[in-house]
Amino acid sequence: TPGGTPGKAVVLKAKPRRVAPEKKTELTATVIPCAGNEGDPIRFQRRKNQTWKTVATKDSNQSCTSSIGRKVKRTTRFRAFAPADEDSAAGTSNRVKVKVKKPRQVG
């Protein structure tokens, strides 16, 4: 980045990554490096119709981590985004796919 300031990296995890329809997954995003980024807002986004839509914005805690619970109706891709500030570039996380299990057919 200009001036030698390192950019932010954001790591996103989902647990569980396989859920029944209408059940929740816990999305947790961590901003790295943490120093100076404590309390920064993190935007959680999902992919819909070929675009990324923000589904929640939540401030991070003292360990630069933020979590949300999200109901999932169908298999969905998520990412997290830490907006740019004066001291560091914006960071976009890895993409996480949460799969929805199809109900078993009884027959």
Protein backbone atom coordinates (compact mmCIF):
# COMPACT_ATOMS: atom_id res chain seq x y z
CA THR A 1 0.00 0.00 0.00
CA PRO A 2 1.17 3.61 -0.47
CA GLY A 3 3.52 4.81 2.26
CA GLY A 4 4.35 1.28 3.32
CA THR A 5 1.29 0.85 5.55
CA PRO A 6 0.17 -2.79 5.45
CA GLY A 7 -3.41 -3.50 4.49
CA LYS A 8 -5.92 -5.31 6.58
CA ALA A 9 -6.65 -8.97 6.09
CA VAL A 10 -10.01 -10.35 7.15
CA VAL A 11 -10.53 -14.03 7.90
CA LEU A 12 -14.09 -15.39 7.87
CA LYS A 13 -15.24 -18.69 9.38
CA ALA A 14 -18.71 -20.26 9.46
CA LYS A 15 -19.83 -22.87 11.97
CA PRO A 16 -21.52 -25.08 11.03
CA ARG A 17 -20.87 -24.95 7.28
CA ARG A 18 -23.72 -27.41 6.60
CA VAL A 19 -27.17 -26.64 8.03
CA ALA A 20 -30.79 -27.71 7.71
CA PRO A 21 -33.08 -25.22 5.90
CA GLU A 22 -33.94 -22.16 8.04
CA LYS A 23 -31.28 -23.02 10.65
CA LYS A 24 -28.52 -20.65 11.74
CA THR A 25 -24.83 -20.62 11.05
CA GLU A 26 -22.44 -18.50 13.11
CA LEU A 27 -20.24 -16.25 10.98
CA THR A 28 -17.08 -14.98 12.67
CA ALA A 29 -14.74 -12.43 11.08
CA THR A 30 -11.31 -11.45 12.40
CA VAL A 31 -9.29 -8.43 11.25
CA ILE A 32 -5.53 -9.03 11.02
CA PRO A 33 -3.40 -7.32 12.19
CA CYS A 34 -5.47 -6.44 15.22
CA ALA A 35 -3.37 -3.57 16.59
CA GLY A 36 -5.18 -0.33 15.87
CA ASN A 37 -8.24 -2.03 14.40
CA GLU A 38 -10.05 -2.77 17.69
CA GLY A 39 -13.69 -1.73 17.47
CA ASP A 40 -13.64 -1.21 13.69
CA PRO A 41 -16.90 -2.06 11.94
CA ILE A 42 -17.05 -5.27 9.94
CA ARG A 43 -19.63 -5.76 7.20
CA PHE A 44 -20.97 -9.26 6.65
CA GLN A 45 -22.11 -9.85 3.08
CA ARG A 46 -23.84 -12.59 1.10
CA ARG A 47 -23.78 -13.24 -2.59
CA LYS A 48 -27.15 -12.89 -4.33
CA ASN A 49 -27.89 -12.42 -8.03
CA GLN A 50 -24.19 -12.04 -8.87
CA THR A 51 -23.67 -9.16 -6.40
CA TRP A 52 -22.58 -8.88 -2.78
CA LYS A 53 -25.25 -7.54 -0.39
CA THR A 54 -24.50 -6.38 3.17
CA VAL A 55 -26.60 -8.37 5.64
CA ALA A 56 -25.12 -6.95 8.87
CA THR A 57 -22.58 -4.43 10.11
CA LYS A 58 -21.14 -4.99 13.56
CA ASP A 59 -18.28 -3.38 15.45
CA SER A 60 -15.40 -5.66 16.33
CA ASN A 61 -14.27 -6.32 19.91
CA GLN A 62 -10.86 -5.92 21.56
CA SER A 63 -9.51 -8.95 19.68
CA CYS A 64 -10.74 -7.48 16.36
CA THR A 65 -13.37 -10.21 16.03
CA SER A 66 -17.07 -9.92 15.29
CA SER A 67 -19.77 -12.60 14.96
CA ILE A 68 -23.35 -12.83 13.75
CA GLY A 69 -25.88 -15.64 13.58
CA ARG A 70 -27.55 -15.95 10.19
CA LYS A 71 -30.47 -18.16 9.08
CA VAL A 72 -29.79 -19.88 5.78
CA LYS A 73 -32.59 -20.88 3.40
CA ARG A 74 -30.40 -22.13 0.56
CA THR A 75 -26.72 -22.74 -0.09
CA THR A 76 -25.10 -19.31 0.17
CA ARG A 77 -21.67 -17.72 -0.11
CA PHE A 78 -20.60 -15.20 2.52
CA ARG A 79 -17.69 -12.80 2.93
CA ALA A 80 -16.73 -10.07 5.41
CA PHE A 81 -15.35 -6.63 4.67
CA ALA A 82 -13.45 -4.20 6.89
CA PRO A 83 -13.82 -0.65 5.51
CA ALA A 84 -10.73 1.45 4.90
CA ASP A 85 -9.59 3.98 7.44
CA GLU A 86 -6.83 6.58 7.52
CA ASP A 87 -4.16 4.12 8.60
CA SER A 88 -4.81 1.00 6.55
CA ALA A 89 -6.35 -0.24 3.36
CA ALA A 90 -9.67 -2.07 3.29
CA GLY A 91 -9.67 -5.82 3.58
CA THR A 92 -12.03 -8.38 2.13
CA SER A 93 -12.15 -11.86 3.57
CA ASN A 94 -12.04 -15.26 2.02
CA ARG A 95 -15.39 -16.53 0.74
CA VAL A 96 -17.20 -19.14 2.80
CA LYS A 97 -19.88 -21.41 1.38
CA VAL A 98 -22.62 -22.57 3.73
CA LYS A 99 -24.54 -25.55 2.32
CA VAL A 100 -28.14 -26.34 3.13
CA LYS A 101 -28.92 -30.02 3.57
CA LYS A 102 -31.91 -31.24 1.62
CA PRO A 103 -34.53 -32.99 3.76
CA ARG A 104 -34.64 -36.74 3.34
CA GLN A 105 -37.49 -38.08 1.29
CA VAL A 106 -39.67 -40.55 3.15
CA GLY A 107 -41.15 -43.11 0.87
